């Protein structure tokens, strides 16, 4: 497999529930690709279509239209499932099974022999904060512990790709911190990671790219670096004695602010340039400050803009 190979491909996907007049379209003609070695966050509000899309990718749900491919094979095929690890949104395990037994079961399904499992299970439990929990019955596991164990079963066979639905559900802050380190290590090893999450801190720290979905439609798809750029804004409020605006100042698109003007810039180099240009033009700088928006605020703003356009 070369670095540019497509691991997951979704083509014109439509997912529907119900029939006739009661049909609900959960996913509305979306397409995207995940390349080898990428870590991609799939974010959106509850009911946006994230889980439905992931279920199609895993072969648990058949689309009304379109298709999903995993490693070039039809989603859900034996060939594709051998190469992918999966954590569902809600993982339910037999309560009278021990943690070790669960990992032996899932590892065995992936073709690992008893010797390999004996070597892999203790350090894996330790890595995920479950040291000395191998012989504990799952009925005694908290929700957070079950989530950690779910992640362990997803990665026990060292799959080439990982798909997580609501990655850190039930984990406390320490658990989320430890999980990020586990996934960053997998990312450095070249594993492909695709996950949905409500924890946007994970998206910022783990992802190369983000796909935002709202009401079954993709509203934006962008590298994280590009997505984060407009979240940090620099504001300059200034006044000028002259009636006409010098060209060196107009290129920063000033807007009226009281008896002066206001400039908003999303790049630190441009911010420095603007301050120099204003000083050379004789402007009086009344204030210069930085403003930050969260990824959550940006998502809400973006979703609002898309909703307004669709309503027109």
C-alpha atoms as a PDB file:
ATOM      1  CA  UNK A   1       0.000   0.000   0.000  1.00  0.00           C
ATOM      2  CA  UNK A   2       1.404   3.384  -0.944  1.00  0.00           C
ATOM      3  CA  UNK A   3       0.984   6.572   1.065  1.00  0.00           C
ATOM      4  CA  UNK A   4      -1.575   8.044  -1.328  1.00  0.00           C
ATOM      5  CA  UNK A   5      -3.823   4.970  -1.339  1.00  0.00           C
ATOM      6  CA  UNK A   6      -7.436   5.531  -0.336  1.00  0.00           C
ATOM      7  CA  UNK A   7      -8.394   3.534   2.762  1.00  0.00           C
ATOM      8  CA  UNK A   8     -12.034   4.641   3.096  1.00  0.00           C
ATOM      9  CA  UNK A   9     -14.108   6.026   0.262  1.00  0.00           C
ATOM     10  CA  UNK A  10     -17.724   7.151   0.545  1.00  0.00           C
ATOM     11  CA  UNK A  11     -19.482   7.862  -2.755  1.00  0.00           C
ATOM     12  CA  UNK A  12     -22.796   9.738  -3.051  1.00  0.00           C
ATOM     13  CA  UNK A  13     -24.037   8.080   0.126  1.00  0.00           C
ATOM     14  CA  UNK A  14     -27.719   8.267   1.056  1.00  0.00           C
ATOM     15  CA  UNK A  15     -29.048   6.567   4.203  1.00  0.00           C
ATOM     16  CA  UNK A  16     -32.766   6.373   4.909  1.00  0.00           C
ATOM     17  CA  UNK A  17     -34.890   5.038   7.749  1.00  0.00           C
ATOM     18  CA  UNK A  18     -38.579   4.148   7.518  1.00  0.00           C
ATOM     19  CA  UNK A  19     -40.746   3.739   4.461  1.00  0.00           C
ATOM     20  CA  UNK A  20     -43.121   5.733   2.305  1.00  0.00           C
ATOM     21  CA  UNK A  21     -44.402   8.923   3.911  1.00  0.00           C
ATOM     22  CA  UNK A  22     -42.439   8.096   7.071  1.00  0.00           C
ATOM     23  CA  UNK A  23     -39.062   7.928   5.335  1.00  0.00           C
ATOM     24  CA  UNK A  24     -36.365   9.921   7.085  1.00  0.00           C
ATOM     25  CA  UNK A  25     -33.191  10.720   5.173  1.00  0.00           C
ATOM     26  CA  UNK A  26     -30.357  10.602   7.716  1.00  0.00           C
ATOM     27  CA  UNK A  27     -27.471  11.007   5.243  1.00  0.00           C
ATOM     28  CA  UNK A  28     -27.975  13.091   2.108  1.00  0.00           C
ATOM     29  CA  UNK A  29     -25.658  12.356  -0.782  1.00  0.00           C
ATOM     30  CA  UNK A  30     -22.251  12.784   0.870  1.00  0.00           C
ATOM     31  CA  UNK A  31     -18.846  11.837  -0.554  1.00  0.00           C
ATOM     32  CA  UNK A  32     -15.357  11.853   0.977  1.00  0.00           C
ATOM     33  CA  UNK A  33     -12.080   9.925   1.050  1.00  0.00           C
ATOM     34  CA  UNK A  34      -9.662   8.992   3.838  1.00  0.00           C
ATOM     35  CA  UNK A  35      -6.079   8.359   2.733  1.00  0.00           C
ATOM     36  CA  UNK A  36      -3.541   6.001   4.288  1.00  0.00           C
ATOM     37  CA  UNK A  37      -1.972   7.460   7.450  1.00  0.00           C
ATOM     38  CA  UNK A  38      -4.530  10.231   7.842  1.00  0.00           C
ATOM     39  CA  UNK A  39      -6.305  11.002  11.093  1.00  0.00           C
ATOM     40  CA  UNK A  40      -9.699  12.486  10.279  1.00  0.00           C
ATOM     41  CA  UNK A  41     -12.328  13.800  12.676  1.00  0.00           C
ATOM     42  CA  UNK A  42     -15.998  13.457  11.761  1.00  0.00           C
ATOM     43  CA  UNK A  43     -17.916  16.016  13.781  1.00  0.00           C
ATOM     44  CA  UNK A  44     -21.484  17.214  14.019  1.00  0.00           C
ATOM     45  CA  UNK A  45     -24.431  17.508  16.371  1.00  0.00           C
ATOM     46  CA  UNK A  46     -26.507  14.542  17.530  1.00  0.00           C
ATOM     47  CA  UNK A  47     -28.592  13.285  14.610  1.00  0.00           C
ATOM     48  CA  UNK A  48     -26.279  14.790  12.003  1.00  0.00           C
ATOM     49  CA  UNK A  49     -25.633  11.447  10.319  1.00  0.00           C
ATOM     50  CA  UNK A  50     -22.261  10.475  11.809  1.00  0.00           C
ATOM     51  CA  UNK A  51     -23.223   7.072  13.220  1.00  0.00           C
ATOM     52  CA  UNK A  52     -25.289   6.164  10.148  1.00  0.00           C
ATOM     53  CA  UNK A  53     -22.293   6.879   7.917  1.00  0.00           C
ATOM     54  CA  UNK A  54     -19.955   4.851  10.137  1.00  0.00           C
ATOM     55  CA  UNK A  55     -22.386   1.917  10.188  1.00  0.00           C
ATOM     56  CA  UNK A  56     -22.359   1.865   6.390  1.00  0.00           C
ATOM     57  CA  UNK A  57     -18.534   1.950   6.374  1.00  0.00           C
ATOM     58  CA  UNK A  58     -18.498  -1.048   8.711  1.00  0.00           C
ATOM     59  CA  UNK A  59     -21.126  -2.920   6.677  1.00  0.00           C
ATOM     60  CA  UNK A  60     -23.787  -2.894   9.413  1.00  0.00           C
ATOM     61  CA  UNK A  61     -26.210  -0.776   7.398  1.00  0.00           C
ATOM     62  CA  UNK A  62     -27.112  -0.834   3.728  1.00  0.00           C
ATOM     63  CA  UNK A  63     -27.379   2.536   1.971  1.00  0.00           C
ATOM     64  CA  UNK A  64     -30.440   3.624   0.010  1.00  0.00           C
ATOM     65  CA  UNK A  65     -28.075   5.009  -2.640  1.00  0.00           C
ATOM     66  CA  UNK A  66     -24.329   5.268  -3.139  1.00  0.00           C
ATOM     67  CA  UNK A  67     -21.658   3.065  -1.597  1.00  0.00           C
ATOM     68  CA  UNK A  68     -18.700   2.833   0.758  1.00  0.00           C
ATOM     69  CA  UNK A  69     -15.397   1.116   0.023  1.00  0.00           C
ATOM     70  CA  UNK A  70     -12.724   0.064   2.532  1.00  0.00           C
ATOM     71  CA  UNK A  71      -9.287  -0.711   1.097  1.00  0.00           C
ATOM     72  CA  UNK A  72     -11.001  -0.865  -2.298  1.00  0.00           C
ATOM     73  CA  UNK A  73     -13.373  -3.634  -1.184  1.00  0.00           C
ATOM     74  CA  UNK A  74     -17.080  -3.288  -0.548  1.00  0.00           C
ATOM     75  CA  UNK A  75     -17.776  -2.108   3.000  1.00  0.00           C
ATOM     76  CA  UNK A  76     -18.534  -5.024   5.312  1.00  0.00           C
ATOM     77  CA  UNK A  77     -16.648  -7.599   3.254  1.00  0.00           C
ATOM     78  CA  UNK A  78     -14.444 -10.126   5.020  1.00  0.00           C
ATOM     79  CA  UNK A  79     -11.389  -8.674   3.266  1.00  0.00           C
ATOM     80  CA  UNK A  80     -12.046  -5.156   4.572  1.00  0.00           C
ATOM     81  CA  UNK A  81     -12.934  -6.209   8.120  1.00  0.00           C
ATOM     82  CA  UNK A  82      -9.658  -8.084   8.533  1.00  0.00           C
ATOM     83  CA  UNK A  83      -7.774  -4.806   8.165  1.00  0.00           C
ATOM     84  CA  UNK A  84      -9.876  -2.520  10.342  1.00  0.00           C
ATOM     85  CA  UNK A  85     -10.479  -2.054  14.078  1.00  0.00           C
ATOM     86  CA  UNK A  86     -13.823  -0.691  15.260  1.00  0.00           C
ATOM     87  CA  UNK A  87     -15.318   0.815  18.400  1.00  0.00           C
ATOM     88  CA  UNK A  88     -19.119   1.339  18.316  1.00  0.00           C
ATOM     89  CA  UNK A  89     -20.894   4.271  19.942  1.00  0.00           C
ATOM     90  CA  UNK A  90     -22.363   1.916  22.544  1.00  0.00           C
ATOM     91  CA  UNK A  91     -20.282  -1.179  23.251  1.00  0.00           C
ATOM     92  CA  UNK A  92     -22.137  -3.956  25.089  1.00  0.00           C
ATOM     93  CA  UNK A  93     -20.160  -6.882  26.475  1.00  0.00           C
ATOM     94  CA  UNK A  94     -21.193 -10.040  28.305  1.00  0.00           C
ATOM     95  CA  UNK A  95     -21.085  -9.018  32.013  1.00  0.00           C
ATOM     96  CA  UNK A  96     -19.764 -12.346  33.304  1.00  0.00           C
ATOM     97  CA  UNK A  97     -16.788 -12.372  30.959  1.00  0.00           C
ATOM     98  CA  UNK A  98     -13.380 -11.231  32.197  1.00  0.00           C
ATOM     99  CA  UNK A  99     -11.465  -8.449  30.456  1.00  0.00           C
ATOM    100  CA  UNK A 100      -8.746 -10.899  29.414  1.00  0.00           C
ATOM    101  CA  UNK A 101     -11.338 -13.278  27.978  1.00  0.00           C
ATOM    102  CA  UNK A 102     -12.943 -10.509  25.948  1.00  0.00           C
ATOM    103  CA  UNK A 103      -9.601  -9.543  24.400  1.00  0.00           C
ATOM    104  CA  UNK A 104      -8.826 -13.210  23.718  1.00  0.00           C
ATOM    105  CA  UNK A 105     -12.174 -13.485  21.914  1.00  0.00           C
ATOM    106  CA  UNK A 106     -11.663 -10.424  19.720  1.00  0.00           C
ATOM    107  CA  UNK A 107      -7.988 -11.173  19.137  1.00  0.00           C
ATOM    108  CA  UNK A 108      -8.870 -14.737  18.146  1.00  0.00           C
ATOM    109  CA  UNK A 109     -11.461 -13.468  15.660  1.00  0.00           C
ATOM    110  CA  UNK A 110      -8.646 -11.464  14.052  1.00  0.00           C
ATOM    111  CA  UNK A 111      -6.507 -14.603  13.784  1.00  0.00           C
ATOM    112  CA  UNK A 112      -4.135 -14.131  16.737  1.00  0.00           C
ATOM    113  CA  UNK A 113      -2.980 -17.370  18.384  1.00  0.00           C
ATOM    114  CA  UNK A 114      -2.912 -17.995  22.141  1.00  0.00           C
ATOM    115  CA  UNK A 115       0.815 -17.251  22.416  1.00  0.00           C
ATOM    116  CA  UNK A 116       0.467 -13.880  20.695  1.00  0.00           C
ATOM    117  CA  UNK A 117      -2.534 -12.998  22.862  1.00  0.00           C
ATOM    118  CA  UNK A 118      -0.695 -13.912  26.061  1.00  0.00           C
ATOM    119  CA  UNK A 119       2.095 -11.529  25.072  1.00  0.00           C
ATOM    120  CA  UNK A 120      -0.116  -8.685  23.870  1.00  0.00           C
ATOM    121  CA  UNK A 121      -2.932  -8.483  26.432  1.00  0.00           C
ATOM    122  CA  UNK A 122      -1.100  -7.427  29.658  1.00  0.00           C
ATOM    123  CA  UNK A 123       0.838  -4.497  28.115  1.00  0.00           C
ATOM    124  CA  UNK A 124      -2.250  -3.418  26.174  1.00  0.00           C
ATOM    125  CA  UNK A 125      -4.359  -3.278  29.335  1.00  0.00           C
ATOM    126  CA  UNK A 126      -1.562  -1.374  31.050  1.00  0.00           C
ATOM    127  CA  UNK A 127      -1.333   1.090  28.149  1.00  0.00           C
ATOM    128  CA  UNK A 128      -5.047   1.868  28.427  1.00  0.00           C
ATOM    129  CA  UNK A 129      -5.111   2.339  32.182  1.00  0.00           C
ATOM    130  CA  UNK A 130      -6.474  -1.124  32.992  1.00  0.00           C
ATOM    131  CA  UNK A 131      -3.414  -2.664  34.624  1.00  0.00           C
ATOM    132  CA  UNK A 132      -4.268  -5.680  36.809  1.00  0.00           C
ATOM    133  CA  UNK A 133      -7.880  -5.643  35.524  1.00  0.00           C
ATOM    134  CA  UNK A 134      -7.521  -8.642  33.232  1.00  0.00           C
ATOM    135  CA  UNK A 135      -9.230 -11.066  35.625  1.00  0.00           C
ATOM    136  CA  UNK A 136     -12.007  -8.664  36.666  1.00  0.00           C
ATOM    137  CA  UNK A 137     -15.558  -9.451  35.497  1.00  0.00           C
ATOM    138  CA  UNK A 138     -16.956  -6.855  33.104  1.00  0.00           C
ATOM    139  CA  UNK A 139     -20.041  -6.368  35.288  1.00  0.00           C
ATOM    140  CA  UNK A 140     -17.685  -4.597  37.713  1.00  0.00           C
ATOM    141  CA  UNK A 141     -16.322  -2.213  35.070  1.00  0.00           C
ATOM    142  CA  UNK A 142     -17.439   1.421  35.060  1.00  0.00           C
ATOM    143  CA  UNK A 143     -18.569   3.016  31.786  1.00  0.00           C
ATOM    144  CA  UNK A 144     -15.159   4.631  31.384  1.00  0.00           C
ATOM    145  CA  UNK A 145     -13.378   1.312  31.994  1.00  0.00           C
ATOM    146  CA  UNK A 146     -15.604  -0.393  29.424  1.00  0.00           C
ATOM    147  CA  UNK A 147     -14.728   2.327  26.918  1.00  0.00           C
ATOM    148  CA  UNK A 148     -11.008   1.756  27.535  1.00  0.00           C
ATOM    149  CA  UNK A 149     -11.533  -1.974  27.053  1.00  0.00           C
ATOM    150  CA  UNK A 150     -13.453  -1.288  23.857  1.00  0.00           C
ATOM    151  CA  UNK A 151     -10.487   0.648  22.513  1.00  0.00           C
ATOM    152  CA  UNK A 152      -8.210  -2.240  23.524  1.00  0.00           C
ATOM    153  CA  UNK A 153     -10.289  -4.745  21.528  1.00  0.00           C
ATOM    154  CA  UNK A 154     -10.211  -2.405  18.518  1.00  0.00           C
ATOM    155  CA  UNK A 155      -6.422  -2.203  18.431  1.00  0.00           C
ATOM    156  CA  UNK A 156      -5.376  -5.624  19.764  1.00  0.00           C
ATOM    157  CA  UNK A 157      -4.697  -7.045  16.295  1.00  0.00           C
ATOM    158  CA  UNK A 158      -2.776  -3.905  15.243  1.00  0.00           C
ATOM    159  CA  UNK A 159      -5.135  -3.159  12.313  1.00  0.00           C
ATOM    160  CA  UNK A 160      -4.136  -0.850   9.466  1.00  0.00           C
ATOM    161  CA  UNK A 161      -7.151   1.394  10.033  1.00  0.00           C
ATOM    162  CA  UNK A 162      -9.279   2.318  13.037  1.00  0.00           C
ATOM    163  CA  UNK A 163     -12.860   3.565  13.073  1.00  0.00           C
ATOM    164  CA  UNK A 164     -14.246   4.933  16.337  1.00  0.00           C
ATOM    165  CA  UNK A 165     -17.800   6.161  16.882  1.00  0.00           C
ATOM    166  CA  UNK A 166     -17.817   8.722  19.718  1.00  0.00           C
ATOM    167  CA  UNK A 167     -14.227   8.062  20.636  1.00  0.00           C
ATOM    168  CA  UNK A 168     -14.051   9.217  24.256  1.00  0.00           C
ATOM    169  CA  UNK A 169     -17.618   8.537  25.395  1.00  0.00           C
ATOM    170  CA  UNK A 170     -17.632   7.912  29.135  1.00  0.00           C
ATOM    171  CA  UNK A 171     -13.969   8.808  29.675  1.00  0.00           C
ATOM    172  CA  UNK A 172     -12.944  11.306  32.329  1.00  0.00           C
ATOM    173  CA  UNK A 173     -10.348  14.034  31.536  1.00  0.00           C
ATOM    174  CA  UNK A 174      -7.450  11.784  32.548  1.00  0.00           C
ATOM    175  CA  UNK A 175      -8.802   8.985  30.368  1.00  0.00           C
ATOM    176  CA  UNK A 176      -9.131  11.328  27.378  1.00  0.00           C
ATOM    177  CA  UNK A 177      -5.579  12.557  27.923  1.00  0.00           C
ATOM    178  CA  UNK A 178      -4.198   9.008  28.056  1.00  0.00           C
ATOM    179  CA  UNK A 179      -6.243   8.013  25.015  1.00  0.00           C
ATOM    180  CA  UNK A 180      -4.834  10.888  22.960  1.00  0.00           C
ATOM    181  CA  UNK A 181      -1.313   9.597  23.653  1.00  0.00           C
ATOM    182  CA  UNK A 182      -2.289   6.073  22.574  1.00  0.00           C
ATOM    183  CA  UNK A 183      -3.784   7.360  19.321  1.00  0.00           C
ATOM    184  CA  UNK A 184      -0.902   9.739  18.634  1.00  0.00           C
ATOM    185  CA  UNK A 185       1.437   6.755  18.949  1.00  0.00           C
ATOM    186  CA  UNK A 186      -0.702   4.791  16.455  1.00  0.00           C
ATOM    187  CA  UNK A 187      -0.754   7.796  14.142  1.00  0.00           C
ATOM    188  CA  UNK A 188       3.051   8.011  14.242  1.00  0.00           C
ATOM    189  CA  UNK A 189       3.145   4.332  13.235  1.00  0.00           C
ATOM    190  CA  UNK A 190       1.197   5.216  10.086  1.00  0.00           C
ATOM    191  CA  UNK A 191      -2.207   3.889  11.105  1.00  0.00           C
ATOM    192  CA  UNK A 192      -5.275   5.446   9.500  1.00  0.00           C
ATOM    193  CA  UNK A 193      -7.763   6.830  12.047  1.00  0.00           C
ATOM    194  CA  UNK A 194     -11.334   7.961  11.397  1.00  0.00           C
ATOM    195  CA  UNK A 195     -13.471   8.938  14.349  1.00  0.00           C
ATOM    196  CA  UNK A 196     -16.542  10.868  15.370  1.00  0.00           C
ATOM    197  CA  UNK A 197     -16.408  12.865  18.565  1.00  0.00           C
ATOM    198  CA  UNK A 198     -18.078  15.622  20.566  1.00  0.00           C
ATOM    199  CA  UNK A 199     -14.752  16.447  22.237  1.00  0.00           C
ATOM    200  CA  UNK A 200     -13.335  19.042  19.873  1.00  0.00           C
ATOM    201  CA  UNK A 201     -10.064  19.156  21.849  1.00  0.00           C
ATOM    202  CA  UNK A 202      -9.396  15.682  20.449  1.00  0.00           C
ATOM    203  CA  UNK A 203     -10.038  16.938  16.949  1.00  0.00           C
ATOM    204  CA  UNK A 204      -7.521  19.758  17.356  1.00  0.00           C
ATOM    205  CA  UNK A 205      -4.804  17.537  18.829  1.00  0.00           C
ATOM    206  CA  UNK A 206      -5.264  14.323  16.803  1.00  0.00           C
ATOM    207  CA  UNK A 207      -6.568  15.226  13.370  1.00  0.00           C
ATOM    208  CA  UNK A 208      -4.956  16.142  10.087  1.00  0.00           C
ATOM    209  CA  UNK A 209      -8.344  16.922   8.611  1.00  0.00           C
ATOM    210  CA  UNK A 210     -11.903  17.528   9.756  1.00  0.00           C
ATOM    211  CA  UNK A 211     -15.211  16.706   8.083  1.00  0.00           C
ATOM    212  CA  UNK A 212     -18.179  18.599   9.522  1.00  0.00           C
ATOM    213  CA  UNK A 213     -21.651  17.187   8.908  1.00  0.00           C
ATOM    214  CA  UNK A 214     -25.018  18.772   9.668  1.00  0.00           C
ATOM    215  CA  UNK A 215     -28.478  17.363   8.956  1.00  0.00           C
ATOM    216  CA  UNK A 216     -26.981  14.662   6.752  1.00  0.00           C
ATOM    217  CA  UNK A 217     -24.898  17.005   4.607  1.00  0.00           C
ATOM    218  CA  UNK A 218     -21.205  17.856   4.729  1.00  0.00           C
ATOM    219  CA  UNK A 219     -20.897  21.560   5.545  1.00  0.00           C
ATOM    220  CA  UNK A 220     -17.117  21.761   5.344  1.00  0.00           C
ATOM    221  CA  UNK A 221     -14.052  19.563   4.863  1.00  0.00           C
ATOM    222  CA  UNK A 222     -10.721  21.100   5.704  1.00  0.00           C
ATOM    223  CA  UNK A 223      -7.199  20.457   7.036  1.00  0.00           C
ATOM    224  CA  UNK A 224      -7.122  21.272  10.747  1.00  0.00           C
ATOM    225  CA  UNK A 225      -4.444  23.943  10.238  1.00  0.00           C
ATOM    226  CA  UNK A 226      -6.702  25.790   7.780  1.00  0.00           C
ATOM    227  CA  UNK A 227      -9.745  25.279   9.966  1.00  0.00           C
ATOM    228  CA  UNK A 228      -8.026  26.680  13.055  1.00  0.00           C
ATOM    229  CA  UNK A 229      -6.566  29.715  11.287  1.00  0.00           C
ATOM    230  CA  UNK A 230      -9.710  31.887  11.336  1.00  0.00           C
ATOM    231  CA  UNK A 231     -10.381  31.016  14.979  1.00  0.00           C
ATOM    232  CA  UNK A 232      -7.584  33.328  16.151  1.00  0.00           C
ATOM    233  CA  UNK A 233      -8.451  36.912  15.284  1.00  0.00           C
ATOM    234  CA  UNK A 234      -6.482  40.100  15.890  1.00  0.00           C
ATOM    235  CA  UNK A 235      -8.420  43.327  16.375  1.00  0.00           C
ATOM    236  CA  UNK A 236      -7.089  46.858  15.865  1.00  0.00           C
ATOM    237  CA  UNK A 237      -9.172  49.937  16.621  1.00  0.00           C
ATOM    238  CA  UNK A 238      -7.688  53.202  15.358  1.00  0.00           C
ATOM    239  CA  UNK A 239      -8.489  56.738  14.271  1.00  0.00           C
ATOM    240  CA  UNK A 240      -7.157  58.946  11.462  1.00  0.00           C
ATOM    241  CA  UNK A 241      -6.935  62.736  11.249  1.00  0.00           C
ATOM    242  CA  UNK A 242      -7.093  62.755   7.440  1.00  0.00           C
ATOM    243  CA  UNK A 243     -10.424  62.343   5.656  1.00  0.00           C
ATOM    244  CA  UNK A 244      -9.095  59.903   3.055  1.00  0.00           C
ATOM    245  CA  UNK A 245      -7.880  56.415   3.912  1.00  0.00           C
ATOM    246  CA  UNK A 246      -4.291  55.706   2.737  1.00  0.00           C
ATOM    247  CA  UNK A 247      -3.992  52.673   0.363  1.00  0.00           C
ATOM    248  CA  UNK A 248      -1.655  50.921   2.810  1.00  0.00           C
ATOM    249  CA  UNK A 249      -4.552  50.912   5.269  1.00  0.00           C
ATOM    250  CA  UNK A 250      -7.528  50.165   2.966  1.00  0.00           C
ATOM    251  CA  UNK A 251      -6.108  46.765   1.996  1.00  0.00           C
ATOM    252  CA  UNK A 252      -6.897  45.589   5.549  1.00  0.00           C
ATOM    253  CA  UNK A 253     -10.617  46.382   5.020  1.00  0.00           C
ATOM    254  CA  UNK A 254     -11.265  48.730   7.959  1.00  0.00           C
ATOM    255  CA  UNK A 255     -14.868  49.203   9.087  1.00  0.00           C
ATOM    256  CA  UNK A 256     -16.319  52.175  11.012  1.00  0.00           C
ATOM    257  CA  UNK A 257     -16.156  51.832  14.790  1.00  0.00           C
ATOM    258  CA  UNK A 258     -17.584  54.843  16.668  1.00  0.00           C
ATOM    259  CA  UNK A 259     -15.563  57.847  15.536  1.00  0.00           C
ATOM    260  CA  UNK A 260     -12.727  55.603  14.364  1.00  0.00           C
ATOM    261  CA  UNK A 261     -12.166  52.340  12.511  1.00  0.00           C
ATOM    262  CA  UNK A 262     -11.806  48.648  13.243  1.00  0.00           C
ATOM    263  CA  UNK A 263      -9.669  46.000  11.517  1.00  0.00           C
ATOM    264  CA  UNK A 264      -9.953  42.221  12.034  1.00  0.00           C
ATOM    265  CA  UNK A 265      -7.069  40.013  10.866  1.00  0.00           C
ATOM    266  CA  UNK A 266      -6.607  36.227  11.170  1.00  0.00           C
ATOM    267  CA  UNK A 267      -2.859  36.047  10.499  1.00  0.00           C
ATOM    268  CA  UNK A 268      -0.145  37.208  12.881  1.00  0.00           C
ATOM    269  CA  UNK A 269       2.200  38.342  10.109  1.00  0.00           C
ATOM    270  CA  UNK A 270      -0.574  40.431   8.554  1.00  0.00           C
ATOM    271  CA  UNK A 271      -1.381  41.802  12.032  1.00  0.00           C
ATOM    272  CA  UNK A 272       2.192  43.048  12.435  1.00  0.00           C
ATOM    273  CA  UNK A 273       2.127  44.492   8.917  1.00  0.00           C
ATOM    274  CA  UNK A 274      -1.127  46.325   9.635  1.00  0.00           C
ATOM    275  CA  UNK A 275       0.260  47.912  12.805  1.00  0.00           C
ATOM    276  CA  UNK A 276       3.315  49.165  10.876  1.00  0.00           C
ATOM    277  CA  UNK A 277       1.146  50.488   8.021  1.00  0.00           C
ATOM    278  CA  UNK A 278      -1.151  52.318  10.420  1.00  0.00           C
ATOM    279  CA  UNK A 279       1.792  53.865  12.264  1.00  0.00           C
ATOM    280  CA  UNK A 280       3.367  55.077   8.987  1.00  0.00           C
ATOM    281  CA  UNK A 281       0.007  56.582   7.948  1.00  0.00           C
ATOM    282  CA  UNK A 282      -0.170  58.593  11.181  1.00  0.00           C
ATOM    283  CA  UNK A 283      -3.054  56.614  12.659  1.00  0.00           C
ATOM    284  CA  UNK A 284      -3.701  56.659  16.392  1.00  0.00           C
ATOM    285  CA  UNK A 285      -3.949  53.076  17.680  1.00  0.00           C
ATOM    286  CA  UNK A 286      -6.635  53.016  20.343  1.00  0.00           C
ATOM    287  CA  UNK A 287      -6.438  49.307  21.047  1.00  0.00           C
ATOM    288  CA  UNK A 288      -4.793  46.191  19.676  1.00  0.00           C
ATOM    289  CA  UNK A 289      -5.832  42.796  20.987  1.00  0.00           C
ATOM    290  CA  UNK A 290      -6.292  39.143  20.086  1.00  0.00           C
ATOM    291  CA  UNK A 291      -9.605  37.317  20.161  1.00  0.00           C
ATOM    292  CA  UNK A 292     -10.080  33.547  20.038  1.00  0.00           C
ATOM    293  CA  UNK A 293     -13.100  31.499  19.082  1.00  0.00           C
ATOM    294  CA  UNK A 294     -13.451  27.838  19.908  1.00  0.00           C
ATOM    295  CA  UNK A 295     -13.936  25.187  17.249  1.00  0.00           C
ATOM    296  CA  UNK A 296     -17.385  24.667  18.755  1.00  0.00           C
ATOM    297  CA  UNK A 297     -18.295  28.343  18.221  1.00  0.00           C
ATOM    298  CA  UNK A 298     -17.027  28.169  14.650  1.00  0.00           C
ATOM    299  CA  UNK A 299     -19.076  25.035  13.980  1.00  0.00           C
ATOM    300  CA  UNK A 300     -22.257  26.651  15.344  1.00  0.00           C
ATOM    301  CA  UNK A 301     -21.615  29.745  13.217  1.00  0.00           C
ATOM    302  CA  UNK A 302     -20.958  27.649  10.106  1.00  0.00           C
ATOM    303  CA  UNK A 303     -24.063  25.525  10.629  1.00  0.00           C
ATOM    304  CA  UNK A 304     -26.121  28.693  11.065  1.00  0.00           C
ATOM    305  CA  UNK A 305     -24.832  30.118   7.776  1.00  0.00           C
ATOM    306  CA  UNK A 306     -25.620  26.884   5.916  1.00  0.00           C
ATOM    307  CA  UNK A 307     -29.103  26.802   7.393  1.00  0.00           C
ATOM    308  CA  UNK A 308     -29.809  30.366   6.266  1.00  0.00           C
ATOM    309  CA  UNK A 309     -28.647  29.618   2.726  1.00  0.00           C
ATOM    310  CA  UNK A 310     -30.813  26.492   2.515  1.00  0.00           C
ATOM    311  CA  UNK A 311     -33.839  28.455   3.734  1.00  0.00           C
ATOM    312  CA  UNK A 312     -33.472  31.108   1.004  1.00  0.00           C
END
